[in-house]
Structures are given as structure tokens and as C-alpha cells.
Amino acid sequence: SIMHQDVAWFDANASTEFASRIAKNASSVQHGFGEKLGRALFQVGVFFSATTIALYKGVRLAGVVSATIPLILVSGYLWGRSMELMVSGNHEAYEKSGGVAEETLNAVKTVAA
């Protein structure tokens, strides 16, 4: 909770970026539990179904295909990690721009009053 933070925490984190950060985090959670969770469960089901069919149809071919699984997992991990690094940079820029926009709107309200 923001209300229970020490004063030093507010020195390290700009209070104007909170609204942007909370909105972006809520959006990320919504996307994660929505479409992506369903897609991940579907892919796991496809993997196990395809493995079962491959073992039934041809054990040797299934063995050859299973040998490529570590390569696929490593490349998927590296791709995901690179995407995570790019997105984190975008989040920081979005938070800063949201903070500037919030300050500007508050200044406009003050001038209008």
C-alpha cells in the first residue's frame, strides 16, 4: 500500500507516475488472464495430443522430434526474455510521460481556478 511507505520511498519514486503505473499494471494483468492464459492452455493441450499421436503412429519419428524440444524451449525462453526487456523499457517511458501529463493537467486546473 502506498499509504504505508517510508518517506524515502517517495523520494525514489515520483508520485506523478503512480497513475500511469497502476493503469499499465492493471492492463497487463487483464491481458495475462484473458487471451494469453487460454492460448497457453490450448498450446499445452496441442503438445500433449501431438506427442500421443506421434508415439502411436511411429516411435522412431517421435524420438527424433522429441530431440528438438530442448532447442525449441531454449529459443522460446531467449525470445521471451528479449521481449520482456523491450517491454520494461517501454513501461518506464510510459510512466514518465504519464507523470508529465498528470502534472500538466494539474497545472491547468490550478491556472483555471
PDB file of N, CA and C in Angstrom:
ATOM      1  N   SER A   1       0.837  -1.181   0.000  1.00  0.00           N
ATOM      2  CA  SER A   1       0.000   0.000   0.000  1.00  0.00           C
ATOM      3  C   SER A   1       0.887   1.251   0.000  1.00  0.00           C
ATOM      4  N   ILE A   2       0.477   2.213  -0.729  1.00  0.00           N
ATOM      5  CA  ILE A   2       1.250   3.450  -0.857  1.00  0.00           C
ATOM      6  C   ILE A   2       1.216   4.237   0.450  1.00  0.00           C
ATOM      7  N   MET A   3       0.138   4.145   1.191  1.00  0.00           N
ATOM      8  CA  MET A   3      -0.011   4.918   2.418  1.00  0.00           C
ATOM      9  C   MET A   3       0.967   4.476   3.518  1.00  0.00           C
ATOM     10  N   HIS A   4       1.478   3.259   3.445  1.00  0.00           N
ATOM     11  CA  HIS A   4       2.344   2.730   4.493  1.00  0.00           C
ATOM     12  C   HIS A   4       3.820   2.772   4.123  1.00  0.00           C
ATOM     13  N   GLN A   5       4.193   3.501   3.083  1.00  0.00           N
ATOM     14  CA  GLN A   5       5.581   3.574   2.650  1.00  0.00           C
ATOM     15  C   GLN A   5       6.342   4.616   3.471  1.00  0.00           C
ATOM     16  N   ASP A   6       7.654   4.410   3.579  1.00  0.00           N
ATOM     17  CA  ASP A   6       8.506   5.395   4.245  1.00  0.00           C
ATOM     18  C   ASP A   6       8.653   6.625   3.357  1.00  0.00           C
ATOM     19  N   VAL A   7       9.110   7.708   3.956  1.00  0.00           N
ATOM     20  CA  VAL A   7       9.297   8.952   3.213  1.00  0.00           C
ATOM     21  C   VAL A   7      10.356   8.781   2.137  1.00  0.00           C
ATOM     22  N   ALA A   8      11.391   8.010   2.407  1.00  0.00           N
ATOM     23  CA  ALA A   8      12.464   7.800   1.432  1.00  0.00           C
ATOM     24  C   ALA A   8      11.943   7.122   0.171  1.00  0.00           C
ATOM     25  N   TRP A   9      10.916   6.312   0.300  1.00  0.00           N
ATOM     26  CA  TRP A   9      10.341   5.645  -0.873  1.00  0.00           C
ATOM     27  C   TRP A   9       9.765   6.665  -1.845  1.00  0.00           C
ATOM     28  N   PHE A  10       9.151   7.734  -1.320  1.00  0.00           N
ATOM     29  CA  PHE A  10       8.577   8.766  -2.187  1.00  0.00           C
ATOM     30  C   PHE A  10       9.667   9.610  -2.841  1.00  0.00           C
ATOM     31  N   ASP A  11      10.845   9.679  -2.224  1.00  0.00           N
ATOM     32  CA  ASP A  11      11.968  10.383  -2.855  1.00  0.00           C
ATOM     33  C   ASP A  11      12.486   9.608  -4.055  1.00  0.00           C
ATOM     34  N   ALA A  12      12.454   8.283  -3.973  1.00  0.00           N
ATOM     35  CA  ALA A  12      12.963   7.448  -5.064  1.00  0.00           C
ATOM     36  C   ALA A  12      11.933   7.262  -6.172  1.00  0.00           C
ATOM     37  N   ASN A  13      10.644   7.352  -5.858  1.00  0.00           N
ATOM     38  CA  ASN A  13       9.577   7.131  -6.837  1.00  0.00           C
ATOM     39  C   ASN A  13       8.749   8.401  -6.977  1.00  0.00           C
ATOM     40  N   ALA A  14       8.612   8.862  -8.195  1.00  0.00           N
ATOM     41  CA  ALA A  14       7.832  10.083  -8.439  1.00  0.00           C
ATOM     42  C   ALA A  14       6.345   9.793  -8.257  1.00  0.00           C
ATOM     43  N   SER A  15       5.704  10.626  -7.472  1.00  0.00           N
ATOM     44  CA  SER A  15       4.287  10.391  -7.177  1.00  0.00           C
ATOM     45  C   SER A  15       3.402  10.618  -8.401  1.00  0.00           C
ATOM     46  N   THR A  16       3.870  11.366  -9.366  1.00  0.00           N
ATOM     47  CA  THR A  16       3.059  11.622 -10.554  1.00  0.00           C
ATOM     48  C   THR A  16       2.994  10.423 -11.489  1.00  0.00           C
ATOM     49  N   GLU A  17       3.894   9.463 -11.311  1.00  0.00           N
ATOM     50  CA  GLU A  17       3.917   8.298 -12.193  1.00  0.00           C
ATOM     51  C   GLU A  17       3.026   7.162 -11.696  1.00  0.00           C
ATOM     52  N   PHE A  18       2.420   7.314 -10.512  1.00  0.00           N
ATOM     53  CA  PHE A  18       1.619   6.234  -9.944  1.00  0.00           C
ATOM     54  C   PHE A  18       0.412   5.890 -10.798  1.00  0.00           C
ATOM     55  N   ALA A  19      -0.286   6.900 -11.272  1.00  0.00           N
ATOM     56  CA  ALA A  19      -1.497   6.641 -12.050  1.00  0.00           C
ATOM     57  C   ALA A  19      -1.175   5.865 -13.326  1.00  0.00           C
ATOM     58  N   SER A  20      -0.126   6.257 -14.011  1.00  0.00           N
ATOM     59  CA  SER A  20       0.268   5.553 -15.228  1.00  0.00           C
ATOM     60  C   SER A  20       0.716   4.135 -14.923  1.00  0.00           C
ATOM     61  N   ARG A  21       1.459   3.963 -13.839  1.00  0.00           N
ATOM     62  CA  ARG A  21       1.966   2.644 -13.464  1.00  0.00           C
ATOM     63  C   ARG A  21       0.815   1.706 -13.093  1.00  0.00           C
ATOM     64  N   ILE A  22      -0.137   2.201 -12.329  1.00  0.00           N
ATOM     65  CA  ILE A  22      -1.272   1.367 -11.916  1.00  0.00           C
ATOM     66  C   ILE A  22      -2.127   1.003 -13.123  1.00  0.00           C
ATOM     67  N   ALA A  23      -2.369   1.943 -14.012  1.00  0.00           N
ATOM     68  CA  ALA A  23      -3.172   1.656 -15.203  1.00  0.00           C
ATOM     69  C   ALA A  23      -2.487   0.625 -16.087  1.00  0.00           C
ATOM     70  N   LYS A  24      -1.192   0.747 -16.267  1.00  0.00           N
ATOM     71  CA  LYS A  24      -0.469  -0.195 -17.120  1.00  0.00           C
ATOM     72  C   LYS A  24      -0.412  -1.578 -16.482  1.00  0.00           C
ATOM     73  N   ASN A  25      -0.202  -1.648 -15.164  1.00  0.00           N
ATOM     74  CA  ASN A  25      -0.168  -2.946 -14.490  1.00  0.00           C
ATOM     75  C   ASN A  25      -1.521  -3.633 -14.541  1.00  0.00           C
ATOM     76  N   ALA A  26      -2.598  -2.881 -14.377  1.00  0.00           N
ATOM     77  CA  ALA A  26      -3.936  -3.470 -14.455  1.00  0.00           C
ATOM     78  C   ALA A  26      -4.206  -4.000 -15.860  1.00  0.00           C
ATOM     79  N   SER A  27      -3.761  -3.266 -16.851  1.00  0.00           N
ATOM     80  CA  SER A  27      -3.923  -3.713 -18.235  1.00  0.00           C
ATOM     81  C   SER A  27      -3.124  -4.986 -18.491  1.00  0.00           C
ATOM     82  N   SER A  28      -1.922  -5.060 -17.947  1.00  0.00           N
ATOM     83  CA  SER A  28      -1.093  -6.259 -18.128  1.00  0.00           C
ATOM     84  C   SER A  28      -1.717  -7.484 -17.479  1.00  0.00           C
ATOM     85  N   VAL A  29      -2.273  -7.312 -16.296  1.00  0.00           N
ATOM     86  CA  VAL A  29      -2.934  -8.431 -15.609  1.00  0.00           C
ATOM     87  C   VAL A  29      -4.157  -8.881 -16.391  1.00  0.00           C
ATOM     88  N   GLN A  30      -4.926  -7.930 -16.900  1.00  0.00           N
ATOM     89  CA  GLN A  30      -6.114  -8.273 -17.673  1.00  0.00           C
ATOM     90  C   GLN A  30      -5.744  -9.058 -18.935  1.00  0.00           C
ATOM     91  N   HIS A  31      -4.707  -8.634 -19.628  1.00  0.00           N
ATOM     92  CA  HIS A  31      -4.272  -9.344 -20.833  1.00  0.00           C
ATOM     93  C   HIS A  31      -3.718 -10.732 -20.485  1.00  0.00           C
ATOM     94  N   GLY A  32      -3.016 -10.820 -19.363  1.00  0.00           N
ATOM     95  CA  GLY A  32      -2.418 -12.089 -18.968  1.00  0.00           C
ATOM     96  C   GLY A  32      -3.448 -13.149 -18.634  1.00  0.00           C
ATOM     97  N   PHE A  33      -4.517 -12.753 -17.962  1.00  0.00           N
ATOM     98  CA  PHE A  33      -5.538 -13.722 -17.586  1.00  0.00           C
ATOM     99  C   PHE A  33      -6.600 -13.899 -18.649  1.00  0.00           C
ATOM    100  N   GLY A  34      -6.632 -13.039 -19.609  1.00  0.00           N
ATOM    101  CA  GLY A  34      -7.644 -13.141 -20.649  1.00  0.00           C
ATOM    102  C   GLY A  34      -7.221 -14.062 -21.766  1.00  0.00           C
ATOM    103  N   GLU A  35      -6.785 -13.480 -22.816  1.00  0.00           N
ATOM    104  CA  GLU A  35      -6.465 -14.210 -24.044  1.00  0.00           C
ATOM    105  C   GLU A  35      -5.226 -15.098 -23.905  1.00  0.00           C
ATOM    106  N   LYS A  36      -4.208 -14.623 -23.231  1.00  0.00           N
ATOM    107  CA  LYS A  36      -2.944 -15.351 -23.185  1.00  0.00           C
ATOM    108  C   LYS A  36      -3.034 -16.631 -22.366  1.00  0.00           C
ATOM    109  N   LEU A  37      -3.786 -16.640 -21.283  1.00  0.00           N
ATOM    110  CA  LEU A  37      -3.937 -17.846 -20.483  1.00  0.00           C
ATOM    111  C   LEU A  37      -4.655 -18.924 -21.283  1.00  0.00           C
ATOM    112  N   GLY A  38      -5.710 -18.554 -21.973  1.00  0.00           N
ATOM    113  CA  GLY A  38      -6.426 -19.510 -22.815  1.00  0.00           C
ATOM    114  C   GLY A  38      -5.556 -20.056 -23.930  1.00  0.00           C
ATOM    115  N   ARG A  39      -4.769 -19.185 -24.527  1.00  0.00           N
ATOM    116  CA  ARG A  39      -3.880 -19.611 -25.603  1.00  0.00           C
ATOM    117  C   ARG A  39      -2.798 -20.562 -25.087  1.00  0.00           C
ATOM    118  N   ALA A  40      -2.275 -20.288 -23.897  1.00  0.00           N
ATOM    119  CA  ALA A  40      -1.245 -21.151 -23.324  1.00  0.00           C
ATOM    120  C   ALA A  40      -1.818 -22.537 -23.006  1.00  0.00           C
ATOM    121  N   LEU A  41      -3.012 -22.582 -22.432  1.00  0.00           N
ATOM    122  CA  LEU A  41      -3.639 -23.876 -22.142  1.00  0.00           C
ATOM    123  C   LEU A  41      -3.913 -24.655 -23.425  1.00  0.00           C
ATOM    124  N   PHE A  42      -4.325 -23.969 -24.470  1.00  0.00           N
ATOM    125  CA  PHE A  42      -4.558 -24.614 -25.756  1.00  0.00           C
ATOM    126  C   PHE A  42      -3.265 -25.214 -26.304  1.00  0.00           C
ATOM    127  N   GLN A  43      -2.175 -24.462 -26.228  1.00  0.00           N
ATOM    128  CA  GLN A  43      -0.894 -24.945 -26.758  1.00  0.00           C
ATOM    129  C   GLN A  43      -0.386 -26.160 -25.977  1.00  0.00           C
ATOM    130  N   VAL A  44      -0.588 -26.166 -24.663  1.00  0.00           N
ATOM    131  CA  VAL A  44      -0.183 -27.327 -23.863  1.00  0.00           C
ATOM    132  C   VAL A  44      -0.991 -28.555 -24.275  1.00  0.00           C
ATOM    133  N   GLY A  45      -2.295 -28.361 -24.496  1.00  0.00           N
ATOM    134  CA  GLY A  45      -3.141 -29.464 -24.952  1.00  0.00           C
ATOM    135  C   GLY A  45      -2.721 -29.986 -26.313  1.00  0.00           C
ATOM    136  N   VAL A  46      -2.385 -29.091 -27.220  1.00  0.00           N
ATOM    137  CA  VAL A  46      -1.927 -29.493 -28.551  1.00  0.00           C
ATOM    138  C   VAL A  46      -0.622 -30.270 -28.451  1.00  0.00           C
ATOM    139  N   PHE A  47       0.292 -29.820 -27.590  1.00  0.00           N
ATOM    140  CA  PHE A  47       1.573 -30.507 -27.430  1.00  0.00           C
ATOM    141  C   PHE A  47       1.370 -31.949 -26.962  1.00  0.00           C
ATOM    142  N   PHE A  48       0.565 -32.136 -25.920  1.00  0.00           N
ATOM    143  CA  PHE A  48       0.361 -33.491 -25.407  1.00  0.00           C
ATOM    144  C   PHE A  48      -0.414 -34.366 -26.390  1.00  0.00           C
ATOM    145  N   SER A  49      -1.371 -33.790 -27.093  1.00  0.00           N
ATOM    146  CA  SER A  49      -2.114 -34.561 -28.096  1.00  0.00           C
ATOM    147  C   SER A  49      -1.194 -34.985 -29.241  1.00  0.00           C
ATOM    148  N   ALA A  50      -0.381 -34.055 -29.722  1.00  0.00           N
ATOM    149  CA  ALA A  50       0.530 -34.371 -30.827  1.00  0.00           C
ATOM    150  C   ALA A  50       1.567 -35.405 -30.403  1.00  0.00           C
ATOM    151  N   THR A  51       2.054 -35.315 -29.179  1.00  0.00           N
ATOM    152  CA  THR A  51       3.024 -36.299 -28.692  1.00  0.00           C
ATOM    153  C   THR A  51       2.398 -37.688 -28.609  1.00  0.00           C
ATOM    154  N   THR A  52       1.183 -37.757 -28.132  1.00  0.00           N
ATOM    155  CA  THR A  52       0.482 -39.043 -28.035  1.00  0.00           C
ATOM    156  C   THR A  52       0.263 -39.655 -29.411  1.00  0.00           C
ATOM    157  N   ILE A  53      -0.182 -38.839 -30.356  1.00  0.00           N
ATOM    158  CA  ILE A  53      -0.421 -39.342 -31.720  1.00  0.00           C
ATOM    159  C   ILE A  53       0.898 -39.769 -32.368  1.00  0.00           C
ATOM    160  N   ALA A  54       1.963 -38.985 -32.159  1.00  0.00           N
ATOM    161  CA  ALA A  54       3.263 -39.334 -32.745  1.00  0.00           C
ATOM    162  C   ALA A  54       3.791 -40.645 -32.184  1.00  0.00           C
ATOM    163  N   LEU A  55       3.636 -40.855 -30.890  1.00  0.00           N
ATOM    164  CA  LEU A  55       4.084 -42.114 -30.291  1.00  0.00           C
ATOM    165  C   LEU A  55       3.264 -43.292 -30.806  1.00  0.00           C
ATOM    166  N   TYR A  56       1.992 -43.072 -31.064  1.00  0.00           N
ATOM    167  CA  TYR A  56       1.129 -44.131 -31.573  1.00  0.00           C
ATOM    168  C   TYR A  56       1.472 -44.470 -33.025  1.00  0.00           C
ATOM    169  N   LYS A  57       1.723 -43.456 -33.831  1.00  0.00           N
ATOM    170  CA  LYS A  57       1.970 -43.667 -35.257  1.00  0.00           C
ATOM    171  C   LYS A  57       3.381 -44.160 -35.556  1.00  0.00           C
ATOM    172  N   GLY A  58       4.380 -43.613 -34.869  1.00  0.00           N
ATOM    173  CA  GLY A  58       5.757 -44.020 -35.159  1.00  0.00           C
ATOM    174  C   GLY A  58       6.681 -43.621 -34.032  1.00  0.00           C
ATOM    175  N   VAL A  59       7.198 -44.586 -33.332  1.00  0.00           N
ATOM    176  CA  VAL A  59       8.024 -44.318 -32.163  1.00  0.00           C
ATOM    177  C   VAL A  59       9.353 -43.671 -32.570  1.00  0.00           C
ATOM    178  N   ARG A  60       9.936 -44.095 -33.674  1.00  0.00           N
ATOM    179  CA  ARG A  60      11.219 -43.533 -34.097  1.00  0.00           C
ATOM    180  C   ARG A  60      11.081 -42.063 -34.467  1.00  0.00           C
ATOM    181  N   LEU A  61      10.024 -41.734 -35.201  1.00  0.00           N
ATOM    182  CA  LEU A  61       9.799 -40.335 -35.571  1.00  0.00           C
ATOM    183  C   LEU A  61       9.531 -39.488 -34.328  1.00  0.00           C
ATOM    184  N   ALA A  62       8.786 -40.021 -33.398  1.00  0.00           N
ATOM    185  CA  ALA A  62       8.527 -39.295 -32.152  1.00  0.00           C
ATOM    186  C   ALA A  62       9.818 -39.047 -31.383  1.00  0.00           C
ATOM    187  N   GLY A  63      10.736 -40.002 -31.420  1.00  0.00           N
ATOM    188  CA  GLY A  63      12.035 -39.816 -30.757  1.00  0.00           C
ATOM    189  C   GLY A  63      12.861 -38.719 -31.402  1.00  0.00           C
ATOM    190  N   VAL A  64      12.847 -38.664 -32.717  1.00  0.00           N
ATOM    191  CA  VAL A  64      13.591 -37.622 -33.431  1.00  0.00           C
ATOM    192  C   VAL A  64      12.994 -36.247 -33.133  1.00  0.00           C
ATOM    193  N   VAL A  65      11.681 -36.154 -33.164  1.00  0.00           N
ATOM    194  CA  VAL A  65      11.021 -34.878 -32.891  1.00  0.00           C
ATOM    195  C   VAL A  65      11.245 -34.461 -31.436  1.00  0.00           C
ATOM    196  N   SER A  66      11.219 -35.417 -30.516  1.00  0.00           N
ATOM    197  CA  SER A  66      11.430 -35.108 -29.099  1.00  0.00           C
ATOM    198  C   SER A  66      12.837 -34.591 -28.841  1.00  0.00           C
ATOM    199  N   ALA A  67      13.783 -34.943 -29.673  1.00  0.00           N
ATOM    200  CA  ALA A  67      15.150 -34.453 -29.504  1.00  0.00           C
ATOM    201  C   ALA A  67      15.258 -32.951 -29.766  1.00  0.00           C
ATOM    202  N   THR A  68      14.328 -32.390 -30.524  1.00  0.00           N
ATOM    203  CA  THR A  68      14.368 -30.955 -30.823  1.00  0.00           C
ATOM    204  C   THR A  68      13.661 -30.113 -29.762  1.00  0.00           C
ATOM    205  N   ILE A  69      12.987 -30.744 -28.832  1.00  0.00           N
ATOM    206  CA  ILE A  69      12.231 -29.992 -27.820  1.00  0.00           C
ATOM    207  C   ILE A  69      13.134 -29.078 -26.988  1.00  0.00           C
ATOM    208  N   PRO A  70      14.312 -29.523 -26.507  1.00  0.00           N
ATOM    209  CA  PRO A  70      15.160 -28.581 -25.746  1.00  0.00           C
ATOM    210  C   PRO A  70      15.574 -27.356 -26.558  1.00  0.00           C
ATOM    211  N   LEU A  71      15.854 -27.535 -27.843  1.00  0.00           N
ATOM    212  CA  LEU A  71      16.211 -26.401 -28.693  1.00  0.00           C
ATOM    213  C   LEU A  71      15.045 -25.412 -28.789  1.00  0.00           C
ATOM    214  N   ILE A  72      13.854 -25.923 -28.945  1.00  0.00           N
ATOM    215  CA  ILE A  72      12.673 -25.064 -29.033  1.00  0.00           C
ATOM    216  C   ILE A  72      12.445 -24.336 -27.716  1.00  0.00           C
ATOM    217  N   LEU A  73      12.611 -25.024 -26.592  1.00  0.00           N
ATOM    218  CA  LEU A  73      12.411 -24.399 -25.287  1.00  0.00           C
ATOM    219  C   LEU A  73      13.434 -23.294 -25.034  1.00  0.00           C
ATOM    220  N   VAL A  74      14.690 -23.540 -25.370  1.00  0.00           N
ATOM    221  CA  VAL A  74      15.734 -22.527 -25.159  1.00  0.00           C
ATOM    222  C   VAL A  74      15.484 -21.305 -26.043  1.00  0.00           C
ATOM    223  N   SER A  75      15.161 -21.522 -27.301  1.00  0.00           N
ATOM    224  CA  SER A  75      14.907 -20.383 -28.190  1.00  0.00           C
ATOM    225  C   SER A  75      13.663 -19.610 -27.747  1.00  0.00           C
ATOM    226  N   GLY A  76      12.645 -20.307 -27.265  1.00  0.00           N
ATOM    227  CA  GLY A  76      11.455 -19.628 -26.751  1.00  0.00           C
ATOM    228  C   GLY A  76      11.760 -18.800 -25.516  1.00  0.00           C
ATOM    229  N   TYR A  77      12.610 -19.341 -24.636  1.00  0.00           N
ATOM    230  CA  TYR A  77      12.996 -18.595 -23.443  1.00  0.00           C
ATOM    231  C   TYR A  77      13.773 -17.335 -23.821  1.00  0.00           C
ATOM    232  N   LEU A  78      14.724 -17.460 -24.738  1.00  0.00           N
ATOM    233  CA  LEU A  78      15.519 -16.300 -25.150  1.00  0.00           C
ATOM    234  C   LEU A  78      14.659 -15.235 -25.818  1.00  0.00           C
ATOM    235  N   TRP A  79      13.715 -15.659 -26.636  1.00  0.00           N
ATOM    236  CA  TRP A  79      12.812 -14.702 -27.286  1.00  0.00           C
ATOM    237  C   TRP A  79      11.951 -14.001 -26.246  1.00  0.00           C
ATOM    238  N   GLY A  80      11.411 -14.761 -25.302  1.00  0.00           N
ATOM    239  CA  GLY A  80      10.582 -14.163 -24.258  1.00  0.00           C
ATOM    240  C   GLY A  80      11.358 -13.185 -23.393  1.00  0.00           C
ATOM    241  N   ARG A  81      12.589 -13.520 -23.085  1.00  0.00           N
ATOM    242  CA  ARG A  81      13.429 -12.640 -22.273  1.00  0.00           C
ATOM    243  C   ARG A  81      13.726 -11.336 -23.010  1.00  0.00           C
ATOM    244  N   SER A  82      14.014 -11.428 -24.310  1.00  0.00           N
ATOM    245  CA  SER A  82      14.280 -10.205 -25.081  1.00  0.00           C
ATOM    246  C   SER A  82      13.030  -9.334 -25.167  1.00  0.00           C
ATOM    247  N   MET A  83      11.866  -9.952 -25.307  1.00  0.00           N
ATOM    248  CA  MET A  83      10.621  -9.178 -25.341  1.00  0.00           C
ATOM    249  C   MET A  83      10.364  -8.507 -23.992  1.00  0.00           C
ATOM    250  N   GLU A  84      10.660  -9.221 -22.910  1.00  0.00           N
ATOM    251  CA  GLU A  84      10.476  -8.668 -21.575  1.00  0.00           C
ATOM    252  C   GLU A  84      11.351  -7.441 -21.360  1.00  0.00           C
ATOM    253  N   LEU A  85      12.590  -7.492 -21.831  1.00  0.00           N
ATOM    254  CA  LEU A  85      13.492  -6.346 -21.688  1.00  0.00           C
ATOM    255  C   LEU A  85      13.010  -5.154 -22.500  1.00  0.00           C
ATOM    256  N   MET A  86      12.503  -5.400 -23.702  1.00  0.00           N
ATOM    257  CA  MET A  86      11.992  -4.296 -24.523  1.00  0.00           C
ATOM    258  C   MET A  86      10.751  -3.672 -23.899  1.00  0.00           C
ATOM    259  N   VAL A  87       9.864  -4.505 -23.385  1.00  0.00           N
ATOM    260  CA  VAL A  87       8.623  -4.001 -22.800  1.00  0.00           C
ATOM    261  C   VAL A  87       8.908  -3.210 -21.526  1.00  0.00           C
ATOM    262  N   SER A  88       9.877  -3.648 -20.721  1.00  0.00           N
ATOM    263  CA  SER A  88      10.177  -2.918 -19.492  1.00  0.00           C
ATOM    264  C   SER A  88      10.678  -1.504 -19.810  1.00  0.00           C
ATOM    265  N   GLY A  89      11.450  -1.356 -20.877  1.00  0.00           N
ATOM    266  CA  GLY A  89      11.888  -0.022 -21.298  1.00  0.00           C
ATOM    267  C   GLY A  89      10.715   0.838 -21.730  1.00  0.00           C
ATOM    268  N   ASN A  90       9.758   0.233 -22.402  1.00  0.00           N
ATOM    269  CA  ASN A  90       8.568   0.966 -22.821  1.00  0.00           C
ATOM    270  C   ASN A  90       7.717   1.367 -21.625  1.00  0.00           C
ATOM    271  N   HIS A  91       7.634   0.504 -20.611  1.00  0.00           N
ATOM    272  CA  HIS A  91       6.856   0.824 -19.413  1.00  0.00           C
ATOM    273  C   HIS A  91       7.433   2.048 -18.699  1.00  0.00           C
ATOM    274  N   GLU A  92       8.752   2.100 -18.594  1.00  0.00           N
ATOM    275  CA  GLU A  92       9.377   3.235 -17.922  1.00  0.00           C
ATOM    276  C   GLU A  92       9.091   4.536 -18.666  1.00  0.00           C
ATOM    277  N   ALA A  93       9.190   4.515 -19.975  1.00  0.00           N
ATOM    278  CA  ALA A  93       8.912   5.721 -20.764  1.00  0.00           C
ATOM    279  C   ALA A  93       7.447   6.115 -20.641  1.00  0.00           C
ATOM    280  N   TYR A  94       6.554   5.132 -20.612  1.00  0.00           N
ATOM    281  CA  TYR A  94       5.114   5.401 -20.481  1.00  0.00           C
ATOM    282  C   TYR A  94       4.809   6.016 -19.121  1.00  0.00           C
ATOM    283  N   GLU A  95       5.458   5.512 -18.063  1.00  0.00           N
ATOM    284  CA  GLU A  95       5.240   6.062 -16.727  1.00  0.00           C
ATOM    285  C   GLU A  95       5.709   7.513 -16.647  1.00  0.00           C
ATOM    286  N   LYS A  96       6.863   7.803 -17.224  1.00  0.00           N
ATOM    287  CA  LYS A  96       7.373   9.174 -17.186  1.00  0.00           C
ATOM    288  C   LYS A  96       6.473  10.124 -17.965  1.00  0.00           C
ATOM    289  N   SER A  97       6.019   9.682 -19.146  1.00  0.00           N
ATOM    290  CA  SER A  97       5.147  10.555 -19.933  1.00  0.00           C
ATOM    291  C   SER A  97       3.801  10.738 -19.244  1.00  0.00           C
ATOM    292  N   GLY A  98       3.306   9.700 -18.589  1.00  0.00           N
ATOM    293  CA  GLY A  98       2.061   9.833 -17.826  1.00  0.00           C
ATOM    294  C   GLY A  98       2.214  10.794 -16.671  1.00  0.00           C
ATOM    295  N   GLY A  99       3.377  10.778 -16.035  1.00  0.00           N
ATOM    296  CA  GLY A  99       3.638  11.723 -14.947  1.00  0.00           C
ATOM    297  C   GLY A  99       3.659  13.158 -15.437  1.00  0.00           C
ATOM    298  N   VAL A 100       4.275  13.376 -16.587  1.00  0.00           N
ATOM    299  CA  VAL A 100       4.310  14.729 -17.162  1.00  0.00           C
ATOM    300  C   VAL A 100       2.905  15.183 -17.526  1.00  0.00           C
ATOM    301  N   ALA A 101       2.108  14.287 -18.096  1.00  0.00           N
ATOM    302  CA  ALA A 101       0.736  14.641 -18.459  1.00  0.00           C
ATOM    303  C   ALA A 101      -0.091  14.963 -17.219  1.00  0.00           C
ATOM    304  N   GLU A 102       0.091  14.198 -16.150  1.00  0.00           N
ATOM    305  CA  GLU A 102      -0.662  14.462 -14.923  1.00  0.00           C
ATOM    306  C   GLU A 102      -0.278  15.803 -14.316  1.00  0.00           C
ATOM    307  N   GLU A 103       1.016  16.109 -14.305  1.00  0.00           N
ATOM    308  CA  GLU A 103       1.466  17.410 -13.795  1.00  0.00           C
ATOM    309  C   GLU A 103       0.880  18.548 -14.625  1.00  0.00           C
ATOM    310  N   THR A 104       0.862  18.371 -15.936  1.00  0.00           N
ATOM    311  CA  THR A 104       0.338  19.413 -16.823  1.00  0.00           C
ATOM    312  C   THR A 104      -1.139  19.646 -16.569  1.00  0.00           C
ATOM    313  N   LEU A 105      -1.907  18.567 -16.453  1.00  0.00           N
ATOM    314  CA  LEU A 105      -3.346  18.717 -16.197  1.00  0.00           C
ATOM    315  C   LEU A 105      -3.614  19.361 -14.847  1.00  0.00           C
ATOM    316  N   ASN A 106      -2.812  19.021 -13.845  1.00  0.00           N
ATOM    317  CA  ASN A 106      -2.984  19.662 -12.534  1.00  0.00           C
ATOM    318  C   ASN A 106      -2.641  21.149 -12.602  1.00  0.00           C
ATOM    319  N   ALA A 107      -1.622  21.482 -13.404  1.00  0.00           N
ATOM    320  CA  ALA A 107      -1.261  22.897 -13.566  1.00  0.00           C
ATOM    321  C   ALA A 107      -2.366  23.658 -14.282  1.00  0.00           C
ATOM    322  N   VAL A 108      -3.005  23.030 -15.259  1.00  0.00           N
ATOM    323  CA  VAL A 108      -4.104  23.682 -15.988  1.00  0.00           C
ATOM    324  C   VAL A 108      -5.266  23.944 -15.048  1.00  0.00           C
ATOM    325  N   LYS A 109      -5.583  22.957 -14.180  1.00  0.00           N
ATOM    326  CA  LYS A 109      -6.667  23.138 -13.214  1.00  0.00           C
ATOM    327  C   LYS A 109      -6.358  24.276 -12.257  1.00  0.00           C
ATOM    328  N   THR A 110      -5.082  24.397 -11.848  1.00  0.00           N
ATOM    329  CA  THR A 110      -4.687  25.453 -10.923  1.00  0.00           C
ATOM    330  C   THR A 110      -4.810  26.818 -11.583  1.00  0.00           C
ATOM    331  N   VAL A 111      -4.374  26.915 -12.835  1.00  0.00           N
ATOM    332  CA  VAL A 111      -4.453  28.186 -13.552  1.00  0.00           C
ATOM    333  C   VAL A 111      -5.903  28.572 -13.808  1.00  0.00           C
ATOM    334  N   ALA A 112      -6.740  27.578 -14.134  1.00  0.00           N
ATOM    335  CA  ALA A 112      -8.147  27.859 -14.412  1.00  0.00           C
ATOM    336  C   ALA A 112      -8.875  28.324 -13.152  1.00  0.00           C
ATOM    337  N   ALA A 113      -8.464  27.828 -11.996  1.00  0.00           N
ATOM    338  CA  ALA A 113      -9.093  28.221 -10.742  1.00  0.00           C
ATOM    339  C   ALA A 113      -8.662  29.634 -10.406  1.00  0.00           C
TER     340      ALA A 113
END
